[in-house]
PDB file of all heavy atoms in Angstrom:
ATOM      1  N   LEU A   1      79.642-176.073 -88.418  1.00  0.00           N
ATOM      2  CA  LEU A   1      79.247-175.481 -89.699  1.00  0.00           C
ATOM      3  C   LEU A   1      77.737-175.328 -89.687  1.00  0.00           C
ATOM      4  O   LEU A   1      77.010-176.327 -89.581  1.00  0.00           O
ATOM      5  CB  LEU A   1      79.691-176.384 -90.855  1.00  0.00           C
ATOM      6  CG  LEU A   1      79.222-176.038 -92.262  1.00  0.00           C
ATOM      7  CD1 LEU A   1      79.667-174.637 -92.669  1.00  0.00           C
ATOM      8  CD2 LEU A   1      79.735-177.064 -93.259  1.00  0.00           C
ATOM      9  N   THR A   2      77.273-174.086 -89.785  1.00  0.00           N
ATOM     10  CA  THR A   2      75.835-173.867 -89.728  1.00  0.00           C
ATOM     11  C   THR A   2      75.180-174.207 -91.064  1.00  0.00           C
ATOM     12  O   THR A   2      75.860-174.364 -92.098  1.00  0.00           O
ATOM     13  CB  THR A   2      75.525-172.409 -89.388  1.00  0.00           C
ATOM     14  OG1 THR A   2      75.884-171.586 -90.508  1.00  0.00           O
ATOM     15  CG2 THR A   2      76.262-171.953 -88.143  1.00  0.00           C
ATOM     16  N   SER A   3      73.871-174.296 -91.042  1.00  0.00           N
ATOM     17  CA  SER A   3      73.131-174.554 -92.281  1.00  0.00           C
ATOM     18  C   SER A   3      73.324-173.415 -93.270  1.00  0.00           C
ATOM     19  O   SER A   3      73.180-173.612 -94.481  1.00  0.00           O
ATOM     20  CB  SER A   3      71.647-174.739 -91.974  1.00  0.00           C
ATOM     21  OG  SER A   3      71.128-173.596 -91.332  1.00  0.00           O
ATOM     22  N   GLY A   4      73.697-172.242 -92.771  1.00  0.00           N
ATOM     23  CA  GLY A   4      73.942-171.091 -93.635  1.00  0.00           C
ATOM     24  C   GLY A   4      75.371-170.961 -94.109  1.00  0.00           C
ATOM     25  O   GLY A   4      75.703-170.031 -94.847  1.00  0.00           O
ATOM     26  N   GLY A   5      76.251-171.877 -93.657  1.00  0.00           N
ATOM     27  CA  GLY A   5      77.613-171.889 -94.161  1.00  0.00           C
ATOM     28  C   GLY A   5      78.661-171.222 -93.285  1.00  0.00           C
ATOM     29  O   GLY A   5      79.803-171.053 -93.699  1.00  0.00           O
ATOM     30  N   ILE A   6      78.307-170.847 -92.080  1.00  0.00           N
ATOM     31  CA  ILE A   6      79.269-170.221 -91.174  1.00  0.00           C
ATOM     32  C   ILE A   6      80.034-171.305 -90.418  1.00  0.00           C
ATOM     33  O   ILE A   6      79.438-172.221 -89.871  1.00  0.00           O
ATOM     34  CB  ILE A   6      78.558-169.282 -90.189  1.00  0.00           C
ATOM     35  CG1 ILE A   6      77.865-168.155 -90.948  1.00  0.00           C
ATOM     36  CG2 ILE A   6      79.548-168.702 -89.179  1.00  0.00           C
ATOM     37  CD1 ILE A   6      76.993-167.272 -90.097  1.00  0.00           C
ATOM     38  N   THR A   7      81.360-171.167 -90.383  1.00  0.00           N
ATOM     39  CA  THR A   7      82.202-172.155 -89.715  1.00  0.00           C
ATOM     40  C   THR A   7      82.810-171.585 -88.435  1.00  0.00           C
ATOM     41  O   THR A   7      82.982-170.367 -88.283  1.00  0.00           O
ATOM     42  CB  THR A   7      83.336-172.633 -90.632  1.00  0.00           C
ATOM     43  OG1 THR A   7      84.113-171.495 -91.039  1.00  0.00           O
ATOM     44  CG2 THR A   7      82.800-173.335 -91.862  1.00  0.00           C
ATOM     45  N   ASN A   8      83.149-172.487 -87.557  1.00  0.00           N
ATOM     46  CA  ASN A   8      83.800-172.128 -86.307  1.00  0.00           C
ATOM     47  C   ASN A   8      84.721-173.276 -85.925  1.00  0.00           C
ATOM     48  O   ASN A   8      84.336-174.446 -86.054  1.00  0.00           O
ATOM     49  CB  ASN A   8      82.761-171.892 -85.209  1.00  0.00           C
ATOM     50  CG  ASN A   8      83.392-171.468 -83.902  1.00  0.00           C
ATOM     51  OD1 ASN A   8      84.309-170.655 -83.900  1.00  0.00           O
ATOM     52  ND2 ASN A   8      82.918-172.003 -82.797  1.00  0.00           N
ATOM     53  N   TYR A   9      85.935-172.953 -85.477  1.00  0.00           N
ATOM     54  CA  TYR A   9      86.914-173.972 -85.107  1.00  0.00           C
ATOM     55  C   TYR A   9      87.510-173.653 -83.738  1.00  0.00           C
ATOM     56  O   TYR A   9      87.713-172.483 -83.398  1.00  0.00           O
ATOM     57  CB  TYR A   9      88.056-174.029 -86.122  1.00  0.00           C
ATOM     58  CG  TYR A   9      87.654-174.435 -87.508  1.00  0.00           C
ATOM     59  CD1 TYR A   9      87.302-173.481 -88.460  1.00  0.00           C
ATOM     60  CD2 TYR A   9      87.639-175.773 -87.883  1.00  0.00           C
ATOM     61  CE1 TYR A   9      86.927-173.853 -89.750  1.00  0.00           C
ATOM     62  CE2 TYR A   9      87.275-176.161 -89.168  1.00  0.00           C
ATOM     63  CZ  TYR A   9      86.928-175.196 -90.091  1.00  0.00           C
ATOM     64  OH  TYR A   9      86.564-175.563 -91.352  1.00  0.00           O
ATOM     65  N   VAL A  10      87.835-174.681 -82.999  1.00  0.00           N
ATOM     66  CA  VAL A  10      88.620-174.477 -81.785  1.00  0.00           C
ATOM     67  C   VAL A  10      90.014-174.036 -82.207  1.00  0.00           C
ATOM     68  O   VAL A  10      90.524-174.462 -83.257  1.00  0.00           O
ATOM     69  CB  VAL A  10      88.649-175.776 -80.945  1.00  0.00           C
ATOM     70  CG1 VAL A  10      89.427-176.892 -81.627  1.00  0.00           C
ATOM     71  CG2 VAL A  10      89.208-175.498 -79.561  1.00  0.00           C
ATOM     72  N   ASP A  11      90.629-173.190 -81.409  1.00  0.00           N
ATOM     73  CA  ASP A  11      91.913-172.594 -81.803  1.00  0.00           C
ATOM     74  C   ASP A  11      92.975-173.639 -82.138  1.00  0.00           C
ATOM     75  O   ASP A  11      93.796-173.443 -83.043  1.00  0.00           O
ATOM     76  CB  ASP A  11      92.433-171.678 -80.695  1.00  0.00           C
ATOM     77  CG  ASP A  11      91.671-170.365 -80.619  1.00  0.00           C
ATOM     78  OD1 ASP A  11      90.931-170.044 -81.562  1.00  0.00           O
ATOM     79  OD2 ASP A  11      91.823-169.660 -79.600  1.00  0.00           O
ATOM     80  N   SER A  12      92.956-174.746 -81.434  1.00  0.00           N
ATOM     81  CA  SER A  12      94.023-175.734 -81.591  1.00  0.00           C
ATOM     82  C   SER A  12      94.011-176.438 -82.942  1.00  0.00           C
ATOM     83  O   SER A  12      95.003-177.091 -83.302  1.00  0.00           O
ATOM     84  CB  SER A  12      93.945-176.771 -80.467  1.00  0.00           C
ATOM     85  OG  SER A  12      92.707-177.447 -80.507  1.00  0.00           O
ATOM     86  N   VAL A  13      92.924-176.333 -83.697  1.00  0.00           N
ATOM     87  CA  VAL A  13      92.858-177.004 -84.997  1.00  0.00           C
ATOM     88  C   VAL A  13      92.774-176.035 -86.165  1.00  0.00           C
ATOM     89  O   VAL A  13      92.771-176.466 -87.326  1.00  0.00           O
ATOM     90  CB  VAL A  13      91.682-178.009 -85.063  1.00  0.00           C
ATOM     91  CG1 VAL A  13      91.710-178.955 -83.883  1.00  0.00           C
ATOM     92  CG2 VAL A  13      90.337-177.304 -85.176  1.00  0.00           C
ATOM     93  N   LYS A  14      92.709-174.759 -85.887  1.00  0.00           N
ATOM     94  CA  LYS A  14      92.606-173.773 -86.972  1.00  0.00           C
ATOM     95  C   LYS A  14      93.796-173.880 -87.917  1.00  0.00           C
ATOM     96  O   LYS A  14      94.940-173.966 -87.488  1.00  0.00           O
ATOM     97  CB  LYS A  14      92.524-172.362 -86.394  1.00  0.00           C
ATOM     98  CG  LYS A  14      91.171-172.033 -85.779  1.00  0.00           C
ATOM     99  CD  LYS A  14      91.135-170.616 -85.220  1.00  0.00           C
ATOM    100  CE  LYS A  14      89.773-170.308 -84.621  1.00  0.00           C
ATOM    101  NZ  LYS A  14      89.729-168.946 -84.003  1.00  0.00           N
ATOM    102  N   GLY A  15      93.493-173.900 -89.205  1.00  0.00           N
ATOM    103  CA  GLY A  15      94.526-174.026 -90.215  1.00  0.00           C
ATOM    104  C   GLY A  15      94.905-175.462 -90.525  1.00  0.00           C
ATOM    105  O   GLY A  15      95.640-175.716 -91.486  1.00  0.00           O
ATOM    106  N   ARG A  16      94.429-176.407 -89.728  1.00  0.00           N
ATOM    107  CA  ARG A  16      94.754-177.819 -89.954  1.00  0.00           C
ATOM    108  C   ARG A  16      93.521-178.657 -90.300  1.00  0.00           C
ATOM    109  O   ARG A  16      93.619-179.601 -91.084  1.00  0.00           O
ATOM    110  CB  ARG A  16      95.415-178.418 -88.702  1.00  0.00           C
ATOM    111  CG  ARG A  16      96.698-177.732 -88.292  1.00  0.00           C
ATOM    112  CD  ARG A  16      97.411-178.503 -87.192  1.00  0.00           C
ATOM    113  NE  ARG A  16      96.627-178.584 -85.959  1.00  0.00           N
ATOM    114  CZ  ARG A  16      96.269-179.728 -85.378  1.00  0.00           C
ATOM    115  NH1 ARG A  16      96.605-180.888 -85.903  1.00  0.00           N
ATOM    116  NH2 ARG A  16      95.567-179.710 -84.239  1.00  0.00           N
ATOM    117  N   PHE A  17      92.389-178.327 -89.706  1.00  0.00           N
ATOM    118  CA  PHE A  17      91.154-179.094 -89.916  1.00  0.00           C
ATOM    119  C   PHE A  17      90.169-178.264 -90.747  1.00  0.00           C
ATOM    120  O   PHE A  17      90.118-177.038 -90.617  1.00  0.00           O
ATOM    121  CB  PHE A  17      90.491-179.427 -88.589  1.00  0.00           C
ATOM    122  CG  PHE A  17      91.211-180.437 -87.734  1.00  0.00           C
ATOM    123  CD1 PHE A  17      92.508-180.846 -88.012  1.00  0.00           C
ATOM    124  CD2 PHE A  17      90.569-180.986 -86.630  1.00  0.00           C
ATOM    125  CE1 PHE A  17      93.156-181.767 -87.211  1.00  0.00           C
ATOM    126  CE2 PHE A  17      91.200-181.915 -85.822  1.00  0.00           C
ATOM    127  CZ  PHE A  17      92.501-182.296 -86.117  1.00  0.00           C
ATOM    128  N   THR A  18      89.372-178.959 -91.546  1.00  0.00           N
ATOM    129  CA  THR A  18      88.334-178.310 -92.333  1.00  0.00           C
ATOM    130  C   THR A  18      87.043-179.105 -92.240  1.00  0.00           C
ATOM    131  O   THR A  18      87.030-180.309 -92.547  1.00  0.00           O
ATOM    132  CB  THR A  18      88.740-178.186 -93.810  1.00  0.00           C
ATOM    133  OG1 THR A  18      89.974-177.470 -93.913  1.00  0.00           O
ATOM    134  CG2 THR A  18      87.663-177.447 -94.600  1.00  0.00           C
ATOM    135  N   ILE A  19      85.984-178.441 -91.822  1.00  0.00           N
ATOM    136  CA  ILE A  19      84.669-179.071 -91.789  1.00  0.00           C
ATOM    137  C   ILE A  19      83.919-178.708 -93.065  1.00  0.00           C
ATOM    138  O   ILE A  19      84.025-177.576 -93.558  1.00  0.00           O
ATOM    139  CB  ILE A  19      83.869-178.644 -90.532  1.00  0.00           C
ATOM    140  CG1 ILE A  19      82.570-179.445 -90.419  1.00  0.00           C
ATOM    141  CG2 ILE A  19      83.607-177.136 -90.527  1.00  0.00           C
ATOM    142  CD1 ILE A  19      81.843-179.234 -89.098  1.00  0.00           C
ATOM    143  N   SER A  20      83.193-179.674 -93.608  1.00  0.00           N
ATOM    144  CA  SER A  20      82.414-179.422 -94.810  1.00  0.00           C
ATOM    145  C   SER A  20      81.171-180.312 -94.788  1.00  0.00           C
ATOM    146  O   SER A  20      81.071-181.229 -93.968  1.00  0.00           O
ATOM    147  CB  SER A  20      83.243-179.684 -96.071  1.00  0.00           C
ATOM    148  OG  SER A  20      83.639-181.042 -96.131  1.00  0.00           O
ATOM    149  N   ARG A  21      80.266-180.029 -95.693  1.00  0.00           N
ATOM    150  CA  ARG A  21      79.042-180.805 -95.765  1.00  0.00           C
ATOM    151  C   ARG A  21      78.612-180.974 -97.214  1.00  0.00           C
ATOM    152  O   ARG A  21      78.942-180.154 -98.072  1.00  0.00           O
ATOM    153  CB  ARG A  21      77.924-180.140 -94.960  1.00  0.00           C
ATOM    154  CG  ARG A  21      77.475-178.798 -95.501  1.00  0.00           C
ATOM    155  CD  ARG A  21      76.556-178.067 -94.508  1.00  0.00           C
ATOM    156  NE  ARG A  21      75.315-178.793 -94.291  1.00  0.00           N
ATOM    157  CZ  ARG A  21      74.501-178.558 -93.266  1.00  0.00           C
ATOM    158  NH1 ARG A  21      74.811-177.631 -92.375  1.00  0.00           N
ATOM    159  NH2 ARG A  21      73.381-179.243 -93.135  1.00  0.00           N
ATOM    160  N   ASP A  22      77.884-182.042 -97.471  1.00  0.00           N
ATOM    161  CA  ASP A  22      77.300-182.289 -98.782  1.00  0.00           C
ATOM    162  C   ASP A  22      75.833-182.606 -98.530  1.00  0.00           C
ATOM    163  O   ASP A  22      75.487-183.731 -98.133  1.00  0.00           O
ATOM    164  CB  ASP A  22      78.007-183.445 -99.483  1.00  0.00           C
ATOM    165  CG  ASP A  22      77.508-183.668-100.899  1.00  0.00           C
ATOM    166  OD1 ASP A  22      76.377-183.243-101.209  1.00  0.00           O
ATOM    167  OD2 ASP A  22      78.238-184.278-101.691  1.00  0.00           O
ATOM    168  N   ASN A  23      74.983-181.621 -98.728  1.00  0.00           N
ATOM    169  CA  ASN A  23      73.567-181.815 -98.418  1.00  0.00           C
ATOM    170  C   ASN A  23      72.914-182.855 -99.330  1.00  0.00           C
ATOM    171  O   ASN A  23      71.958-183.521 -98.929  1.00  0.00           O
ATOM    172  CB  ASN A  23      72.819-180.485 -98.526  1.00  0.00           C
ATOM    173  CG  ASN A  23      73.171-179.533 -97.396  1.00  0.00           C
ATOM    174  OD1 ASN A  23      73.636-179.952 -96.337  1.00  0.00           O
ATOM    175  ND2 ASN A  23      72.969-178.244 -97.637  1.00  0.00           N
ATOM    176  N   ALA A  24      73.436-183.011-100.526  1.00  0.00           N
ATOM    177  CA  ALA A  24      72.882-184.009-101.441  1.00  0.00           C
ATOM    178  C   ALA A  24      73.141-185.434-100.943  1.00  0.00           C
ATOM    179  O   ALA A  24      72.384-186.352-101.261  1.00  0.00           O
ATOM    180  CB  ALA A  24      73.480-183.827-102.826  1.00  0.00           C
ATOM    181  N   LYS A  25      74.213-185.575-100.162  1.00  0.00           N
ATOM    182  CA  LYS A  25      74.565-186.896 -99.619  1.00  0.00           C
ATOM    183  C   LYS A  25      74.243-187.012 -98.139  1.00  0.00           C
ATOM    184  O   LYS A  25      74.593-188.007 -97.502  1.00  0.00           O
ATOM    185  CB  LYS A  25      76.056-187.176 -99.850  1.00  0.00           C
ATOM    186  CG  LYS A  25      76.436-187.295-101.314  1.00  0.00           C
ATOM    187  CD  LYS A  25      77.913-187.637-101.476  1.00  0.00           C
ATOM    188  CE  LYS A  25      78.272-187.808-102.947  1.00  0.00           C
ATOM    189  NZ  LYS A  25      79.713-188.144-103.125  1.00  0.00           N
ATOM    190  N   ASN A  26      73.599-185.969 -97.586  1.00  0.00           N
ATOM    191  CA  ASN A  26      73.277-185.965 -96.153  1.00  0.00           C
ATOM    192  C   ASN A  26      74.496-186.278 -95.300  1.00  0.00           C
ATOM    193  O   ASN A  26      74.427-187.054 -94.331  1.00  0.00           O
ATOM    194  CB  ASN A  26      72.172-186.990 -95.847  1.00  0.00           C
ATOM    195  CG  ASN A  26      70.801-186.533 -96.282  1.00  0.00           C
ATOM    196  OD1 ASN A  26      70.658-185.469 -96.875  1.00  0.00           O
ATOM    197  ND2 ASN A  26      69.798-187.336 -96.013  1.00  0.00           N
ATOM    198  N   SER A  27      75.608-185.653 -95.652  1.00  0.00           N
ATOM    199  CA  SER A  27      76.863-186.004 -95.004  1.00  0.00           C
ATOM    200  C   SER A  27      77.656-184.783 -94.563  1.00  0.00           C
ATOM    201  O   SER A  27      77.566-183.716 -95.181  1.00  0.00           O
ATOM    202  CB  SER A  27      77.734-186.839 -95.949  1.00  0.00           C
ATOM    203  OG  SER A  27      77.152-188.111 -96.187  1.00  0.00           O
ATOM    204  N   VAL A  28      78.408-184.974 -93.511  1.00  0.00           N
ATOM    205  CA  VAL A  28      79.336-183.964 -93.008  1.00  0.00           C
ATOM    206  C   VAL A  28      80.706-184.621 -92.902  1.00  0.00           C
ATOM    207  O   VAL A  28      80.809-185.812 -92.602  1.00  0.00           O
ATOM    208  CB  VAL A  28      78.874-183.380 -91.662  1.00  0.00           C
ATOM    209  CG1 VAL A  28      78.645-184.462 -90.629  1.00  0.00           C
ATOM    210  CG2 VAL A  28      79.854-182.343 -91.147  1.00  0.00           C
ATOM    211  N   TYR A  29      81.741-183.817 -93.147  1.00  0.00           N
ATOM    212  CA  TYR A  29      83.099-184.330 -93.195  1.00  0.00           C
ATOM    213  C   TYR A  29      84.013-183.488 -92.300  1.00  0.00           C
ATOM    214  O   TYR A  29      83.750-182.317 -92.034  1.00  0.00           O
ATOM    215  CB  TYR A  29      83.629-184.295 -94.629  1.00  0.00           C
ATOM    216  CG  TYR A  29      82.721-184.956 -95.628  1.00  0.00           C
ATOM    217  CD1 TYR A  29      81.851-184.195 -96.408  1.00  0.00           C
ATOM    218  CD2 TYR A  29      82.715-186.335 -95.785  1.00  0.00           C
ATOM    219  CE1 TYR A  29      80.996-184.797 -97.316  1.00  0.00           C
ATOM    220  CE2 TYR A  29      81.856-186.944 -96.699  1.00  0.00           C
ATOM    221  CZ  TYR A  29      81.005-186.170 -97.457  1.00  0.00           C
ATOM    222  OH  TYR A  29      80.158-186.767 -98.362  1.00  0.00           O
ATOM    223  N   LEU A  30      85.097-184.106 -91.883  1.00  0.00           N
ATOM    224  CA  LEU A  30      86.149-183.379 -91.177  1.00  0.00           C
ATOM    225  C   LEU A  30      87.485-183.823 -91.761  1.00  0.00           C
ATOM    226  O   LEU A  30      87.925-184.950 -91.534  1.00  0.00           O
ATOM    227  CB  LEU A  30      86.124-183.639 -89.675  1.00  0.00           C
ATOM    228  CG  LEU A  30      87.122-182.808 -88.866  1.00  0.00           C
ATOM    229  CD1 LEU A  30      86.719-181.322 -88.900  1.00  0.00           C
ATOM    230  CD2 LEU A  30      87.193-183.295 -87.419  1.00  0.00           C
ATOM    231  N   GLN A  31      88.089-182.934 -92.550  1.00  0.00           N
ATOM    232  CA  GLN A  31      89.410-183.194 -93.096  1.00  0.00           C
ATOM    233  C   GLN A  31      90.437-182.746 -92.065  1.00  0.00           C
ATOM    234  O   GLN A  31      90.439-181.573 -91.668  1.00  0.00           O
ATOM    235  CB  GLN A  31      89.615-182.437 -94.409  1.00  0.00           C
ATOM    236  CG  GLN A  31      90.997-182.599 -95.013  1.00  0.00           C
ATOM    237  CD  GLN A  31      91.275-184.002 -95.479  1.00  0.00           C
ATOM    238  OE1 GLN A  31      90.471-184.601 -96.181  1.00  0.00           O
ATOM    239  NE2 GLN A  31      92.435-184.541 -95.101  1.00  0.00           N
ATOM    240  N   MET A  32      91.285-183.654 -91.651  1.00  0.00           N
ATOM    241  CA  MET A  32      92.269-183.366 -90.612  1.00  0.00           C
ATOM    242  C   MET A  32      93.670-183.550 -91.194  1.00  0.00           C
ATOM    243  O   MET A  32      94.039-184.659 -91.591  1.00  0.00           O
ATOM    244  CB  MET A  32      92.066-184.303 -89.413  1.00  0.00           C
ATOM    245  CG  MET A  32      90.655-184.261 -88.862  1.00  0.00           C
ATOM    246  SD  MET A  32      90.446-185.264 -87.370  1.00  0.00           S
ATOM    247  CE  MET A  32      90.691-186.904 -88.045  1.00  0.00           C
ATOM    248  N   ASN A  33      94.417-182.462 -91.241  1.00  0.00           N
ATOM    249  CA  ASN A  33      95.786-182.481 -91.751  1.00  0.00           C
ATOM    250  C   ASN A  33      96.764-182.130 -90.640  1.00  0.00           C
ATOM    251  O   ASN A  33      96.374-181.595 -89.600  1.00  0.00           O
ATOM    252  CB  ASN A  33      95.925-181.483 -92.898  1.00  0.00           C
ATOM    253  CG  ASN A  33      95.032-181.800 -94.069  1.00  0.00           C
ATOM    254  OD1 ASN A  33      94.743-182.971 -94.358  1.00  0.00           O
ATOM    255  ND2 ASN A  33      94.568-180.775 -94.767  1.00  0.00           N
ATOM    256  N   SER A  34      98.019-182.418 -90.876  1.00  0.00           N
ATOM    257  CA  SER A  34      99.081-182.106 -89.910  1.00  0.00           C
ATOM    258  C   SER A  34      98.709-182.572 -88.511  1.00  0.00           C
ATOM    259  O   SER A  34      98.826-181.827 -87.532  1.00  0.00           O
ATOM    260  CB  SER A  34      99.359-180.595 -89.916  1.00  0.00           C
ATOM    261  OG  SER A  34      99.737-180.149 -91.202  1.00  0.00           O
ATOM    262  N   LEU A  35      98.274-183.797 -88.429  1.00  0.00           N
ATOM    263  CA  LEU A  35      97.790-184.319 -87.149  1.00  0.00           C
ATOM    264  C   LEU A  35      98.901-184.409 -86.116  1.00  0.00           C
ATOM    265  O   LEU A  35     100.069-184.678 -86.441  1.00  0.00           O
ATOM    266  CB  LEU A  35      97.144-185.684 -87.358  1.00  0.00           C
ATOM    267  CG  LEU A  35      95.733-185.621 -87.947  1.00  0.00           C
ATOM    268  CD1 LEU A  35      95.334-186.941 -88.578  1.00  0.00           C
ATOM    269  CD2 LEU A  35      94.733-185.206 -86.878  1.00  0.00           C
ATOM    270  N   LYS A  36      98.513-184.165 -84.871  1.00  0.00           N
ATOM    271  CA  LYS A  36      99.436-184.177 -83.743  1.00  0.00           C
ATOM    272  C   LYS A  36      98.981-185.222 -82.728  1.00  0.00           C
ATOM    273  O   LYS A  36      97.792-185.552 -82.676  1.00  0.00           O
ATOM    274  CB  LYS A  36      99.444-182.801 -83.076  1.00  0.00           C
ATOM    275  CG  LYS A  36      99.796-181.651 -84.006  1.00  0.00           C
ATOM    276  CD  LYS A  36      99.672-180.321 -83.280  1.00  0.00           C
ATOM    277  CE  LYS A  36     100.005-179.161 -84.197  1.00  0.00           C
ATOM    278  NZ  LYS A  36      99.892-177.851 -83.499  1.00  0.00           N
TER     279      LYS A  36
END
């Protein structure tokens, strides 16, 4: 996830994982669903 908000995912996780950030908390997250 770029500082400008552009995301990129490896094909194997598309639709299952979501990257996000909270600049106020200096934090980045990875929500992982439908784990294999």
